[in-house]
Protein backbone atom coordinates (compact mmCIF):
# COMPACT_ATOMS: atom_id res chain seq x y z
CA MET A 1 -67.41 64.03 -28.67
CA VAL A 2 -64.09 63.88 -26.85
CA LYS A 3 -61.02 65.08 -28.74
CA ILE A 4 -58.40 62.34 -28.67
CA PRO A 5 -54.78 63.53 -28.42
CA GLU A 6 -52.45 62.42 -31.21
CA SER A 7 -50.07 60.82 -28.69
CA ILE A 8 -52.88 58.54 -27.47
CA LYS A 9 -53.79 57.58 -31.04
CA LYS A 10 -50.15 56.70 -31.79
CA MET A 11 -49.85 54.54 -28.67
CA ALA A 12 -53.14 52.78 -29.47
CA LEU A 13 -52.02 51.87 -32.98
CA ASP A 14 -48.52 50.76 -31.95
CA ARG A 15 -47.91 47.08 -32.78
CA ASP A 16 -45.84 46.64 -29.61
CA PHE A 17 -48.82 47.58 -27.42
CA GLN A 18 -50.10 44.14 -26.36
CA PRO A 19 -53.65 43.24 -25.29
CA SER A 20 -54.00 43.20 -21.51
CA VAL A 21 -57.59 41.92 -21.41
CA ARG A 22 -59.10 38.98 -23.29
CA ILE A 23 -62.79 38.28 -23.78
CA GLY A 24 -63.37 34.53 -23.75
CA LYS A 25 -66.35 32.24 -24.16
CA THR A 26 -68.06 33.63 -21.04
CA GLY A 27 -68.37 36.96 -22.86
CA VAL A 28 -68.56 40.36 -21.22
CA THR A 29 -69.15 39.81 -17.50
CA GLU A 30 -69.22 42.14 -14.50
CA ASN A 31 -65.77 40.88 -13.51
CA LEU A 32 -64.42 41.73 -16.97
CA ILE A 33 -65.91 45.24 -16.80
CA GLN A 34 -64.37 45.73 -13.34
CA GLU A 35 -60.97 44.54 -14.59
CA ILE A 36 -61.10 47.02 -17.49
CA LYS A 37 -62.09 49.83 -15.08
CA ASP A 38 -59.17 48.94 -12.79
CA GLN A 39 -56.71 48.92 -15.67
CA LEU A 40 -58.05 52.22 -17.02
CA THR A 41 -57.38 53.91 -13.67
CA LYS A 42 -53.77 52.68 -13.74
CA ARG A 43 -52.92 52.98 -17.44
CA LYS A 44 -55.50 55.22 -19.18
CA LEU A 45 -55.18 53.02 -22.30
CA VAL A 46 -56.24 49.35 -22.46
CA LYS A 47 -56.07 46.97 -25.40
CA ILE A 48 -58.76 44.29 -25.44
CA LYS A 49 -58.84 41.16 -27.58
CA ILE A 50 -61.95 39.10 -28.28
CA ASN A 51 -61.19 35.40 -28.78
CA LYS A 52 -62.25 34.10 -32.20
CA GLY A 53 -65.74 32.69 -32.41
CA VAL A 54 -67.06 34.39 -29.27
CA PHE A 55 -69.07 37.05 -31.13
CA GLU A 56 -70.26 37.44 -34.71
CA ARG A 57 -68.72 40.22 -36.76
CA SER A 58 -71.96 42.21 -36.59
CA GLN A 59 -72.01 42.03 -32.77
CA LYS A 60 -68.52 43.45 -32.19
CA THR A 61 -69.60 47.08 -32.56
CA GLU A 62 -72.26 46.52 -29.92
CA VAL A 63 -69.69 44.88 -27.63
CA TRP A 64 -67.25 47.81 -27.94
CA ASN A 65 -70.07 50.32 -27.34
CA TYR A 66 -71.26 48.39 -24.27
CA ILE A 67 -67.74 48.20 -22.81
CA CYS A 68 -67.20 51.93 -23.34
CA GLU A 69 -70.58 52.76 -21.83
CA GLN A 70 -70.00 50.60 -18.75
CA THR A 71 -66.41 51.73 -18.13
CA GLY A 72 -66.82 55.41 -19.03
CA SER A 73 -64.14 55.15 -21.70
CA THR A 74 -63.75 56.07 -25.36
CA LEU A 75 -63.04 53.60 -28.15
CA ILE A 76 -59.85 54.69 -29.91
CA SER A 77 -59.49 51.85 -32.37
CA SER A 78 -61.23 48.62 -33.29
CA ARG A 79 -59.81 46.32 -35.89
CA GLY A 80 -60.87 42.72 -36.26
CA ASN A 81 -60.97 41.14 -32.81
CA VAL A 82 -58.95 43.87 -31.10
CA GLY A 83 -60.07 47.17 -29.63
CA VAL A 84 -58.34 49.92 -27.66
CA VAL A 85 -60.20 51.99 -25.08
CA TRP A 86 -59.05 55.20 -23.41
CA ALA A 87 -60.10 56.65 -20.07
CA LYS A 88 -61.69 60.05 -20.73
């Protein structure tokens, strides 16, 4: 388990930190994964929003785990339709 610095946790939970990636009706595609990877190399912290109705509540945990696995990142926060991932 990776220890997450407090400064990263604070930035992830900041209300002013806007989502930079949206997951739409096409779901999680290779292009979406590549976009998240690109943003993680530039920013280290990416906020992702899932549009309402795309996934069931029970599927969201699987989606966040899949994204983290594919991008090599760590999930910092997931609340409702929004998650924040951090480049390890």
